[in-house]
Protein backbone atom coordinates (compact mmCIF):
# COMPACT_ATOMS: atom_id res chain seq x y z
CA UNK A 1 0.00 0.00 0.00
CA UNK A 2 1.25 3.51 -0.73
CA UNK A 3 1.56 6.04 2.09
CA UNK A 4 -1.07 8.73 1.66
CA UNK A 5 -1.27 11.88 3.78
CA UNK A 6 -4.58 10.69 5.19
CA UNK A 7 -6.18 7.25 5.26
CA UNK A 8 -9.84 6.53 6.02
CA UNK A 9 -10.70 3.01 7.25
CA UNK A 10 -14.27 1.89 7.94
CA UNK A 11 -14.46 -1.04 10.39
CA UNK A 12 -11.16 -2.43 9.06
CA UNK A 13 -10.84 -5.29 11.56
CA UNK A 14 -14.43 -6.49 11.53
CA UNK A 15 -14.48 -10.24 11.08
CA UNK A 16 -10.75 -10.87 11.41
CA UNK A 17 -9.03 -13.06 13.98
CA UNK A 18 -7.26 -11.55 17.03
CA UNK A 19 -3.76 -12.08 15.63
CA UNK A 20 -4.63 -10.30 12.39
CA UNK A 21 -6.25 -7.47 14.38
CA UNK A 22 -3.06 -6.99 16.36
CA UNK A 23 -0.88 -7.05 13.23
CA UNK A 24 -3.21 -4.56 11.57
CA UNK A 25 -2.84 -2.08 14.46
CA UNK A 26 0.93 -2.49 14.49
CA UNK A 27 0.95 -1.60 10.79
CA UNK A 28 -1.38 1.38 11.33
CA UNK A 29 0.77 2.67 14.20
CA UNK A 30 3.88 2.45 12.03
CA UNK A 31 2.10 4.53 9.37
CA UNK A 32 1.14 7.12 12.00
CA UNK A 33 4.76 7.30 13.14
CA UNK A 34 5.65 8.19 9.54
CA UNK A 35 3.20 11.09 9.56
CA UNK A 36 0.10 9.51 8.00
CA UNK A 37 -3.20 10.67 9.52
CA UNK A 38 -5.49 7.67 9.99
CA UNK A 39 -9.24 7.98 10.57
CA UNK A 40 -10.87 4.73 11.73
CA UNK A 41 -14.46 3.79 12.51
CA UNK A 42 -14.86 0.91 14.94
CA UNK A 43 -17.32 -0.72 17.28
CA UNK A 44 -14.48 -2.38 19.19
CA UNK A 45 -13.82 -0.24 22.25
CA UNK A 46 -10.39 -1.77 22.83
CA UNK A 47 -9.43 -0.49 19.37
CA UNK A 48 -10.56 3.01 20.31
CA UNK A 49 -7.84 2.93 22.98
CA UNK A 50 -5.22 2.85 20.17
CA UNK A 51 -6.40 6.21 18.86
CA UNK A 52 -4.92 9.61 19.72
CA UNK A 53 -8.37 11.23 19.56
CA UNK A 54 -11.87 9.79 19.54
CA UNK A 55 -15.15 11.18 18.31
CA UNK A 56 -18.20 9.43 19.78
CA UNK A 57 -21.02 9.53 17.24
CA UNK A 58 -24.47 8.59 18.50
CA UNK A 59 -27.70 8.86 16.54
CA UNK A 60 -25.82 10.69 13.81
CA UNK A 61 -24.40 13.34 16.16
CA UNK A 62 -20.95 13.89 17.57
CA UNK A 63 -21.69 13.82 21.30
CA UNK A 64 -18.16 13.67 22.74
CA UNK A 65 -14.59 13.98 21.55
CA UNK A 66 -11.13 13.92 23.04
CA UNK A 67 -8.35 11.55 23.93
CA UNK A 68 -9.28 8.15 25.35
CA UNK A 69 -8.24 9.40 28.80
CA UNK A 70 -10.35 12.58 28.36
CA UNK A 71 -13.47 10.56 27.56
CA UNK A 72 -12.90 8.16 30.44
CA UNK A 73 -12.40 11.11 32.80
CA UNK A 74 -15.68 12.67 31.61
CA UNK A 75 -17.47 9.41 32.43
CA UNK A 76 -15.79 8.75 35.79
CA UNK A 77 -17.85 8.98 38.95
CA UNK A 78 -17.73 7.78 42.56
CA UNK A 79 -19.01 4.32 41.61
CA UNK A 80 -16.66 3.93 38.63
CA UNK A 81 -13.60 6.13 39.21
CA UNK A 82 -11.56 4.44 36.46
CA UNK A 83 -13.98 3.35 33.73
CA UNK A 84 -13.03 1.20 30.78
CA UNK A 85 -13.53 2.71 27.34
CA UNK A 86 -16.72 0.67 26.94
CA UNK A 87 -18.05 1.91 30.30
CA UNK A 88 -17.15 5.47 29.32
CA UNK A 89 -19.01 5.23 26.00
CA UNK A 90 -22.09 3.77 27.69
CA UNK A 91 -22.06 6.48 30.37
CA UNK A 92 -21.58 9.28 27.84
CA UNK A 93 -24.47 7.95 25.74
CA UNK A 94 -26.75 7.61 28.78
CA UNK A 95 -25.83 11.14 29.90
CA UNK A 96 -26.54 12.51 26.41
CA UNK A 97 -29.91 10.71 26.35
CA UNK A 98 -30.84 12.26 29.71
CA UNK A 99 -29.83 15.76 28.58
CA UNK A 100 -31.77 15.46 25.30
CA UNK A 101 -34.80 13.48 26.45
CA UNK A 102 -37.25 16.28 25.63
CA UNK A 103 -35.97 17.17 22.17
C-alpha atoms as a PDB file:
ATOM      1  CA  UNK A   1       0.000   0.000   0.000  1.00  0.00           C
ATOM      2  CA  UNK A   2       1.249   3.514  -0.732  1.00  0.00           C
ATOM      3  CA  UNK A   3       1.563   6.039   2.088  1.00  0.00           C
ATOM      4  CA  UNK A   4      -1.069   8.735   1.657  1.00  0.00           C
ATOM      5  CA  UNK A   5      -1.265  11.882   3.783  1.00  0.00           C
ATOM      6  CA  UNK A   6      -4.584  10.692   5.194  1.00  0.00           C
ATOM      7  CA  UNK A   7      -6.179   7.246   5.264  1.00  0.00           C
ATOM      8  CA  UNK A   8      -9.840   6.527   6.021  1.00  0.00           C
ATOM      9  CA  UNK A   9     -10.698   3.012   7.245  1.00  0.00           C
ATOM     10  CA  UNK A  10     -14.272   1.885   7.939  1.00  0.00           C
ATOM     11  CA  UNK A  11     -14.457  -1.044  10.387  1.00  0.00           C
ATOM     12  CA  UNK A  12     -11.159  -2.428   9.057  1.00  0.00           C
ATOM     13  CA  UNK A  13     -10.840  -5.291  11.558  1.00  0.00           C
ATOM     14  CA  UNK A  14     -14.426  -6.490  11.531  1.00  0.00           C
ATOM     15  CA  UNK A  15     -14.478 -10.245  11.077  1.00  0.00           C
ATOM     16  CA  UNK A  16     -10.750 -10.866  11.411  1.00  0.00           C
ATOM     17  CA  UNK A  17      -9.031 -13.061  13.976  1.00  0.00           C
ATOM     18  CA  UNK A  18      -7.264 -11.551  17.033  1.00  0.00           C
ATOM     19  CA  UNK A  19      -3.761 -12.077  15.628  1.00  0.00           C
ATOM     20  CA  UNK A  20      -4.627 -10.296  12.392  1.00  0.00           C
ATOM     21  CA  UNK A  21      -6.252  -7.469  14.376  1.00  0.00           C
ATOM     22  CA  UNK A  22      -3.058  -6.986  16.361  1.00  0.00           C
ATOM     23  CA  UNK A  23      -0.884  -7.049  13.235  1.00  0.00           C
ATOM     24  CA  UNK A  24      -3.206  -4.556  11.571  1.00  0.00           C
ATOM     25  CA  UNK A  25      -2.840  -2.077  14.456  1.00  0.00           C
ATOM     26  CA  UNK A  26       0.934  -2.494  14.493  1.00  0.00           C
ATOM     27  CA  UNK A  27       0.948  -1.595  10.793  1.00  0.00           C
ATOM     28  CA  UNK A  28      -1.384   1.381  11.334  1.00  0.00           C
ATOM     29  CA  UNK A  29       0.766   2.671  14.202  1.00  0.00           C
ATOM     30  CA  UNK A  30       3.879   2.448  12.029  1.00  0.00           C
ATOM     31  CA  UNK A  31       2.100   4.528   9.367  1.00  0.00           C
ATOM     32  CA  UNK A  32       1.136   7.116  12.004  1.00  0.00           C
ATOM     33  CA  UNK A  33       4.760   7.300  13.145  1.00  0.00           C
ATOM     34  CA  UNK A  34       5.655   8.193   9.538  1.00  0.00           C
ATOM     35  CA  UNK A  35       3.197  11.091   9.564  1.00  0.00           C
ATOM     36  CA  UNK A  36       0.101   9.513   8.002  1.00  0.00           C
ATOM     37  CA  UNK A  37      -3.196  10.673   9.517  1.00  0.00           C
ATOM     38  CA  UNK A  38      -5.491   7.667   9.986  1.00  0.00           C
ATOM     39  CA  UNK A  39      -9.241   7.976  10.573  1.00  0.00           C
ATOM     40  CA  UNK A  40     -10.870   4.731  11.729  1.00  0.00           C
ATOM     41  CA  UNK A  41     -14.456   3.789  12.506  1.00  0.00           C
ATOM     42  CA  UNK A  42     -14.858   0.911  14.943  1.00  0.00           C
ATOM     43  CA  UNK A  43     -17.325  -0.718  17.281  1.00  0.00           C
ATOM     44  CA  UNK A  44     -14.481  -2.376  19.187  1.00  0.00           C
ATOM     45  CA  UNK A  45     -13.816  -0.242  22.247  1.00  0.00           C
ATOM     46  CA  UNK A  46     -10.393  -1.774  22.825  1.00  0.00           C
ATOM     47  CA  UNK A  47      -9.432  -0.491  19.367  1.00  0.00           C
ATOM     48  CA  UNK A  48     -10.558   3.009  20.308  1.00  0.00           C
ATOM     49  CA  UNK A  49      -7.840   2.929  22.978  1.00  0.00           C
ATOM     50  CA  UNK A  50      -5.224   2.845  20.173  1.00  0.00           C
ATOM     51  CA  UNK A  51      -6.396   6.213  18.861  1.00  0.00           C
ATOM     52  CA  UNK A  52      -4.922   9.613  19.724  1.00  0.00           C
ATOM     53  CA  UNK A  53      -8.370  11.235  19.558  1.00  0.00           C
ATOM     54  CA  UNK A  54     -11.866   9.789  19.542  1.00  0.00           C
ATOM     55  CA  UNK A  55     -15.150  11.177  18.314  1.00  0.00           C
ATOM     56  CA  UNK A  56     -18.197   9.433  19.777  1.00  0.00           C
ATOM     57  CA  UNK A  57     -21.020   9.527  17.237  1.00  0.00           C
ATOM     58  CA  UNK A  58     -24.473   8.590  18.503  1.00  0.00           C
ATOM     59  CA  UNK A  59     -27.696   8.858  16.541  1.00  0.00           C
ATOM     60  CA  UNK A  60     -25.821  10.693  13.811  1.00  0.00           C
ATOM     61  CA  UNK A  61     -24.400  13.342  16.157  1.00  0.00           C
ATOM     62  CA  UNK A  62     -20.947  13.890  17.575  1.00  0.00           C
ATOM     63  CA  UNK A  63     -21.691  13.822  21.303  1.00  0.00           C
ATOM     64  CA  UNK A  64     -18.163  13.666  22.737  1.00  0.00           C
ATOM     65  CA  UNK A  65     -14.589  13.976  21.555  1.00  0.00           C
ATOM     66  CA  UNK A  66     -11.133  13.922  23.040  1.00  0.00           C
ATOM     67  CA  UNK A  67      -8.350  11.549  23.935  1.00  0.00           C
ATOM     68  CA  UNK A  68      -9.277   8.146  25.351  1.00  0.00           C
ATOM     69  CA  UNK A  69      -8.241   9.402  28.799  1.00  0.00           C
ATOM     70  CA  UNK A  70     -10.352  12.575  28.364  1.00  0.00           C
ATOM     71  CA  UNK A  71     -13.475  10.564  27.559  1.00  0.00           C
ATOM     72  CA  UNK A  72     -12.899   8.161  30.443  1.00  0.00           C
ATOM     73  CA  UNK A  73     -12.395  11.111  32.804  1.00  0.00           C
ATOM     74  CA  UNK A  74     -15.682  12.669  31.615  1.00  0.00           C
ATOM     75  CA  UNK A  75     -17.465   9.407  32.433  1.00  0.00           C
ATOM     76  CA  UNK A  76     -15.791   8.749  35.786  1.00  0.00           C
ATOM     77  CA  UNK A  77     -17.851   8.984  38.951  1.00  0.00           C
ATOM     78  CA  UNK A  78     -17.728   7.780  42.556  1.00  0.00           C
ATOM     79  CA  UNK A  79     -19.008   4.316  41.612  1.00  0.00           C
ATOM     80  CA  UNK A  80     -16.658   3.932  38.634  1.00  0.00           C
ATOM     81  CA  UNK A  81     -13.603   6.133  39.213  1.00  0.00           C
ATOM     82  CA  UNK A  82     -11.557   4.438  36.459  1.00  0.00           C
ATOM     83  CA  UNK A  83     -13.981   3.346  33.726  1.00  0.00           C
ATOM     84  CA  UNK A  84     -13.032   1.196  30.777  1.00  0.00           C
ATOM     85  CA  UNK A  85     -13.526   2.709  27.340  1.00  0.00           C
ATOM     86  CA  UNK A  86     -16.717   0.673  26.943  1.00  0.00           C
ATOM     87  CA  UNK A  87     -18.051   1.905  30.298  1.00  0.00           C
ATOM     88  CA  UNK A  88     -17.152   5.471  29.319  1.00  0.00           C
ATOM     89  CA  UNK A  89     -19.009   5.233  26.001  1.00  0.00           C
ATOM     90  CA  UNK A  90     -22.093   3.771  27.689  1.00  0.00           C
ATOM     91  CA  UNK A  91     -22.059   6.476  30.374  1.00  0.00           C
ATOM     92  CA  UNK A  92     -21.576   9.282  27.837  1.00  0.00           C
ATOM     93  CA  UNK A  93     -24.466   7.951  25.741  1.00  0.00           C
ATOM     94  CA  UNK A  94     -26.754   7.606  28.783  1.00  0.00           C
ATOM     95  CA  UNK A  95     -25.834  11.137  29.903  1.00  0.00           C
ATOM     96  CA  UNK A  96     -26.540  12.505  26.409  1.00  0.00           C
ATOM     97  CA  UNK A  97     -29.907  10.713  26.346  1.00  0.00           C
ATOM     98  CA  UNK A  98     -30.841  12.264  29.705  1.00  0.00           C
ATOM     99  CA  UNK A  99     -29.835  15.758  28.577  1.00  0.00           C
ATOM    100  CA  UNK A 100     -31.765  15.465  25.298  1.00  0.00           C
ATOM    101  CA  UNK A 101     -34.800  13.479  26.451  1.00  0.00           C
ATOM    102  CA  UNK A 102     -37.253  16.279  25.632  1.00  0.00           C
ATOM    103  CA  UNK A 103     -35.969  17.172  22.172  1.00  0.00           C
END
